[in-house]
Structures are given as C-alpha cells and as structure tokens.
PDB file of N, CA and C in Angstrom:
ATOM      1  N   MET A   1      98.367  89.335  91.284  1.00  0.00           N
ATOM      2  CA  MET A   1      98.242  89.749  92.669  1.00  0.00           C
ATOM      3  C   MET A   1      97.485  91.075  92.720  1.00  0.00           C
ATOM      4  N   ILE A   2      96.616  91.168  93.707  1.00  0.00           N
ATOM      5  CA  ILE A   2      95.908  92.411  93.992  1.00  0.00           C
ATOM      6  C   ILE A   2      96.224  92.774  95.437  1.00  0.00           C
ATOM      7  N   LYS A   3      96.678  94.017  95.658  1.00  0.00           N
ATOM      8  CA  LYS A   3      97.018  94.436  97.016  1.00  0.00           C
ATOM      9  C   LYS A   3      96.220  95.684  97.381  1.00  0.00           C
ATOM     10  N   THR A   4      95.608  95.650  98.551  1.00  0.00           N
ATOM     11  CA  THR A   4      94.940  96.814  99.114  1.00  0.00           C
ATOM     12  C   THR A   4      95.623  97.120 100.448  1.00  0.00           C
ATOM     13  N   THR A   5      95.128  98.091 101.168  1.00  0.00           N
ATOM     14  CA  THR A   5      95.712  98.385 102.479  1.00  0.00           C
ATOM     15  C   THR A   5      95.328  97.341 103.516  1.00  0.00           C
ATOM     16  N   ASP A   6      94.294  96.538 103.251  1.00  0.00           N
ATOM     17  CA  ASP A   6      93.797  95.575 104.239  1.00  0.00           C
ATOM     18  C   ASP A   6      94.049  94.116 103.903  1.00  0.00           C
ATOM     19  N   TYR A   7      94.312  93.789 102.641  1.00  0.00           N
ATOM     20  CA  TYR A   7      94.524  92.396 102.263  1.00  0.00           C
ATOM     21  C   TYR A   7      95.249  92.302 100.933  1.00  0.00           C
ATOM     22  N   ILE A   8      95.774  91.110 100.677  1.00  0.00           N
ATOM     23  CA  ILE A   8      96.412  90.778  99.402  1.00  0.00           C
ATOM     24  C   ILE A   8      95.684  89.568  98.838  1.00  0.00           C
ATOM     25  N   ILE A   9      95.412  89.587  97.540  1.00  0.00           N
ATOM     26  CA  ILE A   9      94.858  88.425  96.851  1.00  0.00           C
ATOM     27  C   ILE A   9      95.939  87.879  95.929  1.00  0.00           C
ATOM     28  N   LEU A  10      96.319  86.620  96.147  1.00  0.00           N
ATOM     29  CA  LEU A  10      97.285  85.944  95.287  1.00  0.00           C
ATOM     30  C   LEU A  10      96.544  84.867  94.500  1.00  0.00           C
ATOM     31  N   PHE A  11      96.619  84.929  93.190  1.00  0.00           N
ATOM     32  CA  PHE A  11      95.973  83.924  92.355  1.00  0.00           C
ATOM     33  C   PHE A  11      96.944  82.787  92.107  1.00  0.00           C
ATOM     34  N   MET A  12      96.579  81.602  92.581  1.00  0.00           N
ATOM     35  CA  MET A  12      97.410  80.418  92.376  1.00  0.00           C
ATOM     36  C   MET A  12      97.098  79.767  91.040  1.00  0.00           C
ATOM     37  N   SER A  13      95.843  79.881  90.622  1.00  0.00           N
ATOM     38  CA  SER A  13      95.382  79.328  89.358  1.00  0.00           C
ATOM     39  C   SER A  13      94.063  80.021  89.034  1.00  0.00           C
ATOM     40  N   ASN A  14      93.397  79.571  87.980  1.00  0.00           N
ATOM     41  CA  ASN A  14      92.084  80.133  87.646  1.00  0.00           C
ATOM     42  C   ASN A  14      91.017  79.750  88.656  1.00  0.00           C
ATOM     43  N   SER A  15      91.313  78.732  89.485  1.00  0.00           N
ATOM     44  CA  SER A  15      90.283  78.248  90.400  1.00  0.00           C
ATOM     45  C   SER A  15      90.717  78.257  91.875  1.00  0.00           C
ATOM     46  N   ASN A  16      91.872  78.832  92.173  1.00  0.00           N
ATOM     47  CA  ASN A  16      92.342  78.911  93.556  1.00  0.00           C
ATOM     48  C   ASN A  16      93.038  80.239  93.797  1.00  0.00           C
ATOM     49  N   CYS A  17      92.694  80.880  94.900  1.00  0.00           N
ATOM     50  CA  CYS A  17      93.407  82.090  95.290  1.00  0.00           C
ATOM     51  C   CYS A  17      93.563  82.107  96.808  1.00  0.00           C
ATOM     52  N   ILE A  18      94.544  82.896  97.248  1.00  0.00           N
ATOM     53  CA  ILE A  18      94.809  83.064  98.675  1.00  0.00           C
ATOM     54  C   ILE A  18      94.544  84.517  99.014  1.00  0.00           C
ATOM     55  N   ILE A  19      93.831  84.735 100.103  1.00  0.00           N
ATOM     56  CA  ILE A  19      93.638  86.095 100.591  1.00  0.00           C
ATOM     57  C   ILE A  19      94.307  86.192 101.949  1.00  0.00           C
ATOM     58  N   PHE A  20      95.291  87.090 102.025  1.00  0.00           N
ATOM     59  CA  PHE A  20      96.032  87.305 103.262  1.00  0.00           C
ATOM     60  C   PHE A  20      95.604  88.631 103.864  1.00  0.00           C
ATOM     61  N   SER A  21      95.118  88.590 105.087  1.00  0.00           N
ATOM     62  CA  SER A  21      94.719  89.794 105.799  1.00  0.00           C
ATOM     63  C   SER A  21      95.970  90.516 106.286  1.00  0.00           C
ATOM     64  N   LEU A  22      96.080  91.817 106.004  1.00  0.00           N
ATOM     65  CA  LEU A  22      97.253  92.600 106.362  1.00  0.00           C
ATOM     66  C   LEU A  22      97.150  93.289 107.721  1.00  0.00           C
ATOM     67  N   ASN A  23      96.103  92.979 108.479  1.00  0.00           N
ATOM     68  CA  ASN A  23      95.938  93.574 109.798  1.00  0.00           C
ATOM     69  C   ASN A  23      95.010  92.695 110.629  1.00  0.00           C
ATOM     70  N   TYR A  24      94.597  93.184 111.769  1.00  0.00           N
ATOM     71  CA  TYR A  24      93.776  92.404 112.686  1.00  0.00           C
ATOM     72  C   TYR A  24      92.272  92.541 112.425  1.00  0.00           C
ATOM     73  N   LYS A  25      91.865  93.321 111.427  1.00  0.00           N
ATOM     74  CA  LYS A  25      90.441  93.538 111.145  1.00  0.00           C
ATOM     75  C   LYS A  25      89.790  92.248 110.641  1.00  0.00           C
ATOM     76  N   ARG A  26      88.492  92.116 110.897  1.00  0.00           N
ATOM     77  CA  ARG A  26      87.755  90.925 110.456  1.00  0.00           C
ATOM     78  C   ARG A  26      87.637  90.922 108.936  1.00  0.00           C
ATOM     79  N   ILE A  27      88.053  89.834 108.320  1.00  0.00           N
ATOM     80  CA  ILE A  27      88.057  89.734 106.860  1.00  0.00           C
ATOM     81  C   ILE A  27      86.638  89.829 106.292  1.00  0.00           C
ATOM     82  N   GLU A  28      85.636  89.416 107.065  1.00  0.00           N
ATOM     83  CA  GLU A  28      84.255  89.460 106.585  1.00  0.00           C
ATOM     84  C   GLU A  28      83.816  90.886 106.253  1.00  0.00           C
ATOM     85  N   SER A  29      84.424  91.873 106.898  1.00  0.00           N
ATOM     86  CA  SER A  29      84.043  93.265 106.629  1.00  0.00           C
ATOM     87  C   SER A  29      84.468  93.712 105.232  1.00  0.00           C
ATOM     88  N   PHE A  30      85.302  92.913 104.570  1.00  0.00           N
ATOM     89  CA  PHE A  30      85.763  93.245 103.220  1.00  0.00           C
ATOM     90  C   PHE A  30      85.157  92.346 102.148  1.00  0.00           C
ATOM     91  N   TYR A  31      84.206  91.501 102.504  1.00  0.00           N
ATOM     92  CA  TYR A  31      83.642  90.557 101.538  1.00  0.00           C
ATOM     93  C   TYR A  31      83.128  91.247 100.277  1.00  0.00           C
ATOM     94  N   GLY A  32      82.367  92.314 100.405  1.00  0.00           N
ATOM     95  CA  GLY A  32      81.813  92.996  99.231  1.00  0.00           C
ATOM     96  C   GLY A  32      82.905  93.467  98.286  1.00  0.00           C
ATOM     97  N   GLU A  33      83.931  94.062  98.842  1.00  0.00           N
ATOM     98  CA  GLU A  33      85.068  94.548  98.060  1.00  0.00           C
ATOM     99  C   GLU A  33      85.826  93.388  97.424  1.00  0.00           C
ATOM    100  N   ILE A  34      86.054  92.335  98.203  1.00  0.00           N
ATOM    101  CA  ILE A  34      86.755  91.157  97.685  1.00  0.00           C
ATOM    102  C   ILE A  34      85.962  90.519  96.548  1.00  0.00           C
ATOM    103  N   GLU A  35      84.665  90.367  96.744  1.00  0.00           N
ATOM    104  CA  GLU A  35      83.821  89.776  95.706  1.00  0.00           C
ATOM    105  C   GLU A  35      83.902  90.586  94.417  1.00  0.00           C
ATOM    106  N   SER A  36      83.891  91.894  94.526  1.00  0.00           N
ATOM    107  CA  SER A  36      83.988  92.758  93.354  1.00  0.00           C
ATOM    108  C   SER A  36      85.313  92.551  92.628  1.00  0.00           C
ATOM    109  N   LYS A  37      86.402  92.459  93.373  1.00  0.00           N
ATOM    110  CA  LYS A  37      87.715  92.256  92.767  1.00  0.00           C
ATOM    111  C   LYS A  37      87.806  90.876  92.098  1.00  0.00           C
ATOM    112  N   LEU A  38      87.247  89.859  92.734  1.00  0.00           N
ATOM    113  CA  LEU A  38      87.273  88.515  92.146  1.00  0.00           C
ATOM    114  C   LEU A  38      86.407  88.447  90.894  1.00  0.00           C
ATOM    115  N   ARG A  39      85.265  89.117  90.906  1.00  0.00           N
ATOM    116  CA  ARG A  39      84.420  89.178  89.702  1.00  0.00           C
ATOM    117  C   ARG A  39      85.172  89.835  88.550  1.00  0.00           C
ATOM    118  N   SER A  40      85.897  90.917  88.840  1.00  0.00           N
ATOM    119  CA  SER A  40      86.621  91.627  87.774  1.00  0.00           C
ATOM    120  C   SER A  40      87.729  90.771  87.171  1.00  0.00           C
ATOM    121  N   GLU A  41      88.175  89.759  87.906  1.00  0.00           N
ATOM    122  CA  GLU A  41      89.193  88.830  87.410  1.00  0.00           C
ATOM    123  C   GLU A  41      88.566  87.557  86.838  1.00  0.00           C
ATOM    124  N   SER A  42      87.236  87.511  86.778  1.00  0.00           N
ATOM    125  CA  SER A  42      86.498  86.333  86.302  1.00  0.00           C
ATOM    126  C   SER A  42      86.881  85.084  87.084  1.00  0.00           C
ATOM    127  N   PHE A  43      87.100  85.254  88.366  1.00  0.00           N
ATOM    128  CA  PHE A  43      87.510  84.139  89.226  1.00  0.00           C
ATOM    129  C   PHE A  43      86.309  83.288  89.612  1.00  0.00           C
ATOM    130  N   LEU A  44      86.524  81.981  89.657  1.00  0.00           N
ATOM    131  CA  LEU A  44      85.526  81.022  90.122  1.00  0.00           C
ATOM    132  C   LEU A  44      86.291  79.865  90.729  1.00  0.00           C
ATOM    133  N   GLY A  45      86.063  79.591  92.008  1.00  0.00           N
ATOM    134  CA  GLY A  45      86.773  78.486  92.625  1.00  0.00           C
ATOM    135  C   GLY A  45      86.854  78.603  94.130  1.00  0.00           C
ATOM    136  N   THR A  46      88.003  78.223  94.690  1.00  0.00           N
ATOM    137  CA  THR A  46      88.192  78.165  96.130  1.00  0.00           C
ATOM    138  C   THR A  46      89.089  79.308  96.590  1.00  0.00           C
ATOM    139  N   ILE A  47      88.657  79.962  97.659  1.00  0.00           N
ATOM    140  CA  ILE A  47      89.440  81.012  98.299  1.00  0.00           C
ATOM    141  C   ILE A  47      90.038  80.426  99.566  1.00  0.00           C
ATOM    142  N   TYR A  48      91.340  80.592  99.718  1.00  0.00           N
ATOM    143  CA  TYR A  48      92.032  80.227 100.953  1.00  0.00           C
ATOM    144  C   TYR A  48      92.312  81.517 101.709  1.00  0.00           C
ATOM    145  N   PHE A  49      91.826  81.607 102.923  1.00  0.00           N
ATOM    146  CA  PHE A  49      92.046  82.793 103.744  1.00  0.00           C
ATOM    147  C   PHE A  49      93.168  82.521 104.736  1.00  0.00           C
ATOM    148  N   ASP A  50      94.080  83.468 104.858  1.00  0.00           N
ATOM    149  CA  ASP A  50      95.121  83.401 105.881  1.00  0.00           C
ATOM    150  C   ASP A  50      94.873  84.551 106.847  1.00  0.00           C
ATOM    151  N   LEU A  51      94.509  84.210 108.068  1.00  0.00           N
ATOM    152  CA  LEU A  51      94.169  85.201 109.084  1.00  0.00           C
ATOM    153  C   LEU A  51      95.253  85.278 110.158  1.00  0.00           C
ATOM    154  N   LEU A  52      96.497  85.114 109.745  1.00  0.00           N
ATOM    155  CA  LEU A  52      97.622  85.125 110.669  1.00  0.00           C
ATOM    156  C   LEU A  52      97.627  86.367 111.555  1.00  0.00           C
ATOM    157  N   LEU A  53      97.413  87.535 110.978  1.00  0.00           N
ATOM    158  CA  LEU A  53      97.517  88.766 111.755  1.00  0.00           C
ATOM    159  C   LEU A  53      96.302  89.038 112.637  1.00  0.00           C
ATOM    160  N   SER A  54      95.183  88.413 112.342  1.00  0.00           N
ATOM    161  CA  SER A  54      94.013  88.610 113.209  1.00  0.00           C
ATOM    162  C   SER A  54      93.775  87.449 114.163  1.00  0.00           C
ATOM    163  N   ASN A  55      94.158  86.232 113.771  1.00  0.00           N
ATOM    164  CA  ASN A  55      93.923  85.057 114.617  1.00  0.00           C
ATOM    165  C   ASN A  55      95.187  84.458 115.203  1.00  0.00           C
ATOM    166  N   GLY A  56      96.351  84.867 114.702  1.00  0.00           N
ATOM    167  CA  GLY A  56      97.614  84.347 115.206  1.00  0.00           C
ATOM    168  C   GLY A  56      97.952  82.979 114.632  1.00  0.00           C
ATOM    169  N   ILE A  57      98.998  82.408 115.201  1.00  0.00           N
ATOM    170  CA  ILE A  57      99.466  81.094 114.771  1.00  0.00           C
ATOM    171  C   ILE A  57      98.667  80.046 115.540  1.00  0.00           C
ATOM    172  N   GLY A  58      97.998  79.200 114.821  1.00  0.00           N
ATOM    173  CA  GLY A  58      97.196  78.170 115.470  1.00  0.00           C
ATOM    174  C   GLY A  58      96.233  77.538 114.503  1.00  0.00           C
ATOM    175  N   ASN A  59      95.333  76.739 115.037  1.00  0.00           N
ATOM    176  CA  ASN A  59      94.392  75.989 114.201  1.00  0.00           C
ATOM    177  C   ASN A  59      93.410  76.864 113.442  1.00  0.00           C
ATOM    178  N   ASN A  60      93.183  78.097 113.899  1.00  0.00           N
ATOM    179  CA  ASN A  60      92.207  78.944 113.208  1.00  0.00           C
ATOM    180  C   ASN A  60      92.874  80.002 112.325  1.00  0.00           C
ATOM    181  N   ARG A  61      94.129  79.745 111.943  1.00  0.00           N
ATOM    182  CA  ARG A  61      94.828  80.673 111.043  1.00  0.00           C
ATOM    183  C   ARG A  61      94.287  80.588 109.622  1.00  0.00           C
ATOM    184  N   PHE A  62      94.052  79.397 109.124  1.00  0.00           N
ATOM    185  CA  PHE A  62      93.674  79.184 107.729  1.00  0.00           C
ATOM    186  C   PHE A  62      92.245  78.670 107.600  1.00  0.00           C
ATOM    187  N   PHE A  63      91.549  79.191 106.594  1.00  0.00           N
ATOM    188  CA  PHE A  63      90.213  78.717 106.272  1.00  0.00           C
ATOM    189  C   PHE A  63      90.020  78.773 104.765  1.00  0.00           C
ATOM    190  N   LYS A  64      89.049  78.034 104.288  1.00  0.00           N
ATOM    191  CA  LYS A  64      88.728  78.118 102.866  1.00  0.00           C
ATOM    192  C   LYS A  64      87.230  78.229 102.690  1.00  0.00           C
ATOM    193  N   ALA A  65      86.851  78.830 101.576  1.00  0.00           N
ATOM    194  CA  ALA A  65      85.438  78.985 101.243  1.00  0.00           C
ATOM    195  C   ALA A  65      85.301  79.020  99.726  1.00  0.00           C
ATOM    196  N   PRO A  66      84.207  78.488  99.202  1.00  0.00           N
ATOM    197  CA  PRO A  66      83.999  78.541  97.751  1.00  0.00           C
ATOM    198  C   PRO A  66      83.539  79.923  97.298  1.00  0.00           C
ATOM    199  N   PHE A  67      83.950  80.295  96.087  1.00  0.00           N
ATOM    200  CA  PHE A  67      83.464  81.510  95.433  1.00  0.00           C
ATOM    201  C   PHE A  67      82.686  81.075  94.208  1.00  0.00           C
ATOM    202  N   ARG A  68      81.370  81.189  94.308  1.00  0.00           N
ATOM    203  CA  ARG A  68      80.477  80.763  93.223  1.00  0.00           C
ATOM    204  C   ARG A  68      79.399  81.816  93.038  1.00  0.00           C
ATOM    205  N   ASN A  69      78.902  81.917  91.831  1.00  0.00           N
ATOM    206  CA  ASN A  69      77.842  82.877  91.521  1.00  0.00           C
ATOM    207  C   ASN A  69      78.229  84.287  91.959  1.00  0.00           C
ATOM    208  N   ASN A  70      79.513  84.614  91.771  1.00  0.00           N
ATOM    209  CA  ASN A  70      80.057  85.936  92.087  1.00  0.00           C
ATOM    210  C   ASN A  70      79.984  86.309  93.559  1.00  0.00           C
ATOM    211  N   LYS A  71      79.912  85.316  94.427  1.00  0.00           N
ATOM    212  CA  LYS A  71      79.825  85.567  95.871  1.00  0.00           C
ATOM    213  C   LYS A  71      80.681  84.574  96.642  1.00  0.00           C
ATOM    214  N   ILE A  72      81.184  85.043  97.781  1.00  0.00           N
ATOM    215  CA  ILE A  72      81.806  84.130  98.729  1.00  0.00           C
ATOM    216  C   ILE A  72      80.657  83.421  99.403  1.00  0.00           C
ATOM    217  N   GLU A  73      80.609  82.103  99.250  1.00  0.00           N
ATOM    218  CA  GLU A  73      79.476  81.368  99.819  1.00  0.00           C
ATOM    219  C   GLU A  73      79.470  81.490 101.328  1.00  0.00           C
ATOM    220  N   LYS A  74      78.334  81.838 101.829  1.00  0.00           N
ATOM    221  CA  LYS A  74      78.156  81.982 103.270  1.00  0.00           C
ATOM    222  C   LYS A  74      77.893  80.602 103.858  1.00  0.00           C
ATOM    223  N   VAL A  75      78.842  80.141 104.623  1.00  0.00           N
ATOM    224  CA  VAL A  75      78.699  78.853 105.290  1.00  0.00           C
ATOM    225  C   VAL A  75      78.690  79.099 106.786  1.00  0.00           C
ATOM    226  N   SER A  76      78.042  78.225 107.517  1.00  0.00           N
ATOM    227  CA  SER A  76      77.942  78.432 108.959  1.00  0.00           C
ATOM    228  C   SER A  76      79.299  78.310 109.643  1.00  0.00           C
ATOM    229  N   ARG A  77      80.184  77.547 109.040  1.00  0.00           N
ATOM    230  CA  ARG A  77      81.530  77.388 109.605  1.00  0.00           C
ATOM    231  C   ARG A  77      82.492  77.155 108.460  1.00  0.00           C
ATOM    232  N   PHE A  78      83.554  77.958 108.396  1.00  0.00           N
ATOM    233  CA  PHE A  78      84.554  77.743 107.365  1.00  0.00           C
ATOM    234  C   PHE A  78      85.255  76.420 107.599  1.00  0.00           C
ATOM    235  N   GLN A  79      85.675  75.816 106.523  1.00  0.00           N
ATOM    236  CA  GLN A  79      86.438  74.566 106.603  1.00  0.00           C
ATOM    237  C   GLN A  79      87.917  74.905 106.753  1.00  0.00           C
ATOM    238  N   GLY A  80      88.580  74.281 107.703  1.00  0.00           N
ATOM    239  CA  GLY A  80      90.030  74.453 107.833  1.00  0.00           C
ATOM    240  C   GLY A  80      90.736  73.807 106.661  1.00  0.00           C
ATOM    241  N   ILE A  81      91.947  74.256 106.362  1.00  0.00           N
ATOM    242  CA  ILE A  81      92.692  73.636 105.263  1.00  0.00           C
ATOM    243  C   ILE A  81      93.839  72.812 105.808  1.00  0.00           C
ATOM    244  N   GLU A  82      94.320  71.909 105.004  1.00  0.00           N
ATOM    245  CA  GLU A  82      95.349  70.976 105.410  1.00  0.00           C
ATOM    246  C   GLU A  82      96.617  71.725 105.824  1.00  0.00           C
ATOM    247  N   LYS A  83      97.281  71.200 106.821  1.00  0.00           N
ATOM    248  CA  LYS A  83      98.440  71.888 107.390  1.00  0.00           C
ATOM    249  C   LYS A  83      99.581  72.073 106.387  1.00  0.00           C
ATOM    250  N   TYR A  84      99.797  71.125 105.506  1.00  0.00           N
ATOM    251  CA  TYR A  84     100.946  71.223 104.601  1.00  0.00           C
ATOM    252  C   TYR A  84     100.525  71.395 103.143  1.00  0.00           C
ATOM    253  N   SER A  85      99.491  72.131 102.914  1.00  0.00           N
ATOM    254  CA  SER A  85      99.026  72.308 101.539  1.00  0.00           C
ATOM    255  C   SER A  85      99.967  73.223 100.757  1.00  0.00           C
ATOM    256  N   ARG A  86      99.889  73.136  99.467  1.00  0.00           N
ATOM    257  CA  ARG A  86     100.679  73.973  98.568  1.00  0.00           C
ATOM    258  C   ARG A  86     100.389  75.456  98.803  1.00  0.00           C
ATOM    259  N   ALA A  87      99.138  75.765  99.102  1.00  0.00           N
ATOM    260  CA  ALA A  87      98.743  77.157  99.333  1.00  0.00           C
ATOM    261  C   ALA A  87      99.496  77.749 100.518  1.00  0.00           C
ATOM    262  N   ILE A  88      99.605  77.023 101.593  1.00  0.00           N
ATOM    263  CA  ILE A  88     100.274  77.523 102.796  1.00  0.00           C
ATOM    264  C   ILE A  88     101.766  77.716 102.534  1.00  0.00           C
ATOM    265  N   ALA A  89     102.383  76.758 101.915  1.00  0.00           N
ATOM    266  CA  ALA A  89     103.811  76.856 101.627  1.00  0.00           C
ATOM    267  C   ALA A  89     104.103  78.063 100.738  1.00  0.00           C
ATOM    268  N   ARG A  90     103.292  78.256  99.724  1.00  0.00           N
ATOM    269  CA  ARG A  90     103.490  79.392  98.825  1.00  0.00           C
ATOM    270  C   ARG A  90     103.282  80.709  99.558  1.00  0.00           C
ATOM    271  N   LEU A  91     102.265  80.776 100.387  1.00  0.00           N
ATOM    272  CA  LEU A  91     101.981  82.013 101.104  1.00  0.00           C
ATOM    273  C   LEU A  91     103.067  82.347 102.112  1.00  0.00           C
ATOM    274  N   ASN A  92     103.523  81.375 102.873  1.00  0.00           N
ATOM    275  CA  ASN A  92     104.581  81.628 103.848  1.00  0.00           C
ATOM    276  C   ASN A  92     105.828  82.176 103.154  1.00  0.00           C
ATOM    277  N   THR A  93     106.193  81.586 102.026  1.00  0.00           N
ATOM    278  CA  THR A  93     107.346  82.056 101.263  1.00  0.00           C
ATOM    279  C   THR A  93     107.118  83.484 100.775  1.00  0.00           C
ATOM    280  N   PHE A  94     105.920  83.764 100.271  1.00  0.00           N
ATOM    281  CA  PHE A  94     105.583  85.105  99.807  1.00  0.00           C
ATOM    282  C   PHE A  94     105.698  86.129 100.933  1.00  0.00           C
ATOM    283  N   LEU A  95     105.179  85.801 102.102  1.00  0.00           N
ATOM    284  CA  LEU A  95     105.203  86.728 103.233  1.00  0.00           C
ATOM    285  C   LEU A  95     106.627  87.100 103.618  1.00  0.00           C
ATOM    286  N   ILE A  96     107.494  86.119 103.667  1.00  0.00           N
ATOM    287  CA  ILE A  96     108.875  86.368 104.065  1.00  0.00           C
ATOM    288  C   ILE A  96     109.624  87.141 102.977  1.00  0.00           C
ATOM    289  N   LYS A  97     109.501  86.711 101.723  1.00  0.00           N
ATOM    290  CA  LYS A  97     110.222  87.365 100.634  1.00  0.00           C
ATOM    291  C   LYS A  97     109.787  88.807 100.422  1.00  0.00           C
ATOM    292  N   ASN A  98     108.529  89.116 100.707  1.00  0.00           N
ATOM    293  CA  ASN A  98     108.004  90.459 100.483  1.00  0.00           C
ATOM    294  C   ASN A  98     107.965  91.301 101.752  1.00  0.00           C
ATOM    295  N   ASN A  99     108.601  90.815 102.797  1.00  0.00           N
ATOM    296  CA  ASN A  99     108.706  91.570 104.047  1.00  0.00           C
ATOM    297  C   ASN A  99     107.364  92.138 104.528  1.00  0.00           C
ATOM    298  N   ILE A 100     106.340  91.301 104.536  1.00  0.00           N
ATOM    299  CA  ILE A 100     105.037  91.729 105.038  1.00  0.00           C
ATOM    300  C   ILE A 100     105.183  92.080 106.518  1.00  0.00           C
ATOM    301  N   ASP A 101     104.618  93.209 106.911  1.00  0.00           N
ATOM    302  CA  ASP A 101     104.744  93.709 108.281  1.00  0.00           C
ATOM    303  C   ASP A 101     103.885  92.882 109.237  1.00  0.00           C
ATOM    304  N   LEU A 102     104.519  91.969 109.934  1.00  0.00           N
ATOM    305  CA  LEU A 102     103.814  91.092 110.864  1.00  0.00           C
ATOM    306  C   LEU A 102     103.433  91.802 112.157  1.00  0.00           C
ATOM    307  N   SER A 103     103.918  93.012 112.361  1.00  0.00           N
ATOM    308  CA  SER A 103     103.624  93.735 113.603  1.00  0.00           C
ATOM    309  C   SER A 103     102.249  94.395 113.588  1.00  0.00           C
ATOM    310  N   LYS A 104     101.535  94.340 112.466  1.00  0.00           N
ATOM    311  CA  LYS A 104     100.224  94.983 112.363  1.00  0.00           C
ATOM    312  C   LYS A 104      99.082  94.077 112.795  1.00  0.00           C
ATOM    313  N   GLY A 105      99.395  93.055 113.536  1.00  0.00           N
ATOM    314  CA  GLY A 105      98.373  92.124 113.979  1.00  0.00           C
ATOM    315  C   GLY A 105      98.552  91.752 115.427  1.00  0.00           C
ATOM    316  N   VAL A 106      98.094  90.572 115.756  1.00  0.00           N
ATOM    317  CA  VAL A 106      98.063  90.111 117.148  1.00  0.00           C
ATOM    318  C   VAL A 106      99.311  89.340 117.569  1.00  0.00           C
ATOM    319  N   LEU A 107     100.241  89.103 116.643  1.00  0.00           N
ATOM    320  CA  LEU A 107     101.428  88.326 116.981  1.00  0.00           C
ATOM    321  C   LEU A 107     102.361  89.099 117.909  1.00  0.00           C
ATOM    322  N   THR A 108     102.876  88.420 118.914  1.00  0.00           N
ATOM    323  CA  THR A 108     103.879  89.022 119.781  1.00  0.00           C
ATOM    324  C   THR A 108     105.197  89.106 119.009  1.00  0.00           C
ATOM    325  N   LYS A 109     106.133  89.891 119.498  1.00  0.00           N
ATOM    326  CA  LYS A 109     107.448  89.984 118.843  1.00  0.00           C
ATOM    327  C   LYS A 109     108.113  88.617 118.766  1.00  0.00           C
ATOM    328  N   SER A 110     107.954  87.837 119.823  1.00  0.00           N
ATOM    329  CA  SER A 110     108.511  86.487 119.851  1.00  0.00           C
ATOM    330  C   SER A 110     107.893  85.617 118.756  1.00  0.00           C
ATOM    331  N   GLN A 111     106.574  85.686 118.587  1.00  0.00           N
ATOM    332  CA  GLN A 111     105.903  84.905 117.542  1.00  0.00           C
ATOM    333  C   GLN A 111     106.323  85.369 116.148  1.00  0.00           C
ATOM    334  N   GLN A 112     106.488  86.671 115.976  1.00  0.00           N
ATOM    335  CA  GLN A 112     106.929  87.203 114.686  1.00  0.00           C
ATOM    336  C   GLN A 112     108.304  86.651 114.328  1.00  0.00           C
ATOM    337  N   LEU A 113     109.226  86.698 115.276  1.00  0.00           N
ATOM    338  CA  LEU A 113     110.574  86.176 115.039  1.00  0.00           C
ATOM    339  C   LEU A 113     110.552  84.676 114.772  1.00  0.00           C
ATOM    340  N   ASN A 114     109.745  83.969 115.531  1.00  0.00           N
ATOM    341  CA  ASN A 114     109.620  82.525 115.335  1.00  0.00           C
ATOM    342  C   ASN A 114     109.091  82.210 113.935  1.00  0.00           C
ATOM    343  N   PHE A 115     108.102  82.961 113.488  1.00  0.00           N
ATOM    344  CA  PHE A 115     107.528  82.754 112.159  1.00  0.00           C
ATOM    345  C   PHE A 115     108.580  82.975 111.086  1.00  0.00           C
ATOM    346  N   VAL A 116     109.279  84.098 111.166  1.00  0.00           N
ATOM    347  CA  VAL A 116     110.285  84.436 110.171  1.00  0.00           C
ATOM    348  C   VAL A 116     111.425  83.411 110.174  1.00  0.00           C
ATOM    349  N   ASN A 117     111.871  83.036 111.354  1.00  0.00           N
ATOM    350  CA  ASN A 117     113.003  82.122 111.452  1.00  0.00           C
ATOM    351  C   ASN A 117     112.665  80.676 111.113  1.00  0.00           C
ATOM    352  N   ASN A 118     111.435  80.286 111.345  1.00  0.00           N
ATOM    353  CA  ASN A 118     111.053  78.890 111.139  1.00  0.00           C
ATOM    354  C   ASN A 118     110.026  78.674 110.036  1.00  0.00           C
ATOM    355  N   LEU A 119     109.586  79.751 109.366  1.00  0.00           N
ATOM    356  CA  LEU A 119     108.500  79.633 108.387  1.00  0.00           C
ATOM    357  C   LEU A 119     107.395  78.768 108.977  1.00  0.00           C
ATOM    358  N   HIS A 120     106.848  79.225 110.089  1.00  0.00           N
ATOM    359  CA  HIS A 120     105.856  78.470 110.853  1.00  0.00           C
ATOM    360  C   HIS A 120     104.706  78.007 109.976  1.00  0.00           C
ATOM    361  N   LEU A 121     104.447  76.723 109.984  1.00  0.00           N
ATOM    362  CA  LEU A 121     103.330  76.141 109.245  1.00  0.00           C
ATOM    363  C   LEU A 121     102.278  75.727 110.234  1.00  0.00           C
TER     364      LEU A 121
END
C-alpha cells in the first residue's frame, strides 16, 4: 500500500491495483505522481479508480484504465467496472476497517452513514 494525502494505492496483485481518492480533487491532476509511484513498484496492468469522495455513490464511482509503458493510458472515456467485482469488495472493506474519512468529499452525512452501515456497492 502507498498512501499520500490525496490518494491510496492498494496492490491487489502484480497486475491489478486500486487507487482510492481521499478527497474531492480530480484524480487526473495526480497522474504524473501516480505514474511515478507505479513505475517505482514495477507495476504493469489494470488500475481501478474509486472516486467515491469526488463523484459520490453512483454509476460513475468506479473506473478502470490500463497502465502500460509506464503511463496511465489516456482513453477518451474510462471503462466502468463490474458492480460486484473483487476489487470493489476489497476496497469497501478496507475503507471501513481503516476508518477512511468520508467527510472529505461530496457525500452527505446521510450517504456516509448509509455507506458505513450497508457497505454500499
């Protein structure tokens, strides 16, 4: 795991990682920094982004993008990920167990409580 003030990178395997945004800032503004950290870990594969704190609970919470040639591939539109994937289940559990501050984003207090109480997928 790599943690900064703006995001957390969780390595699920040598070819899959999850990046969780810790605030409402656009994740694209950290691409250069993220790419550098992934290169230092010799990572090659798929990045799953969780934008819960910037996009809220909904269809645009999760996205994935390939990391190849030491870069996050620039695609015109990120591909959404499956609702019940292993990545989402692992991340939701991580967020709750590590008491990630859900108040640093766009979620209302009601949504925060709902997420914690129901492990919203």
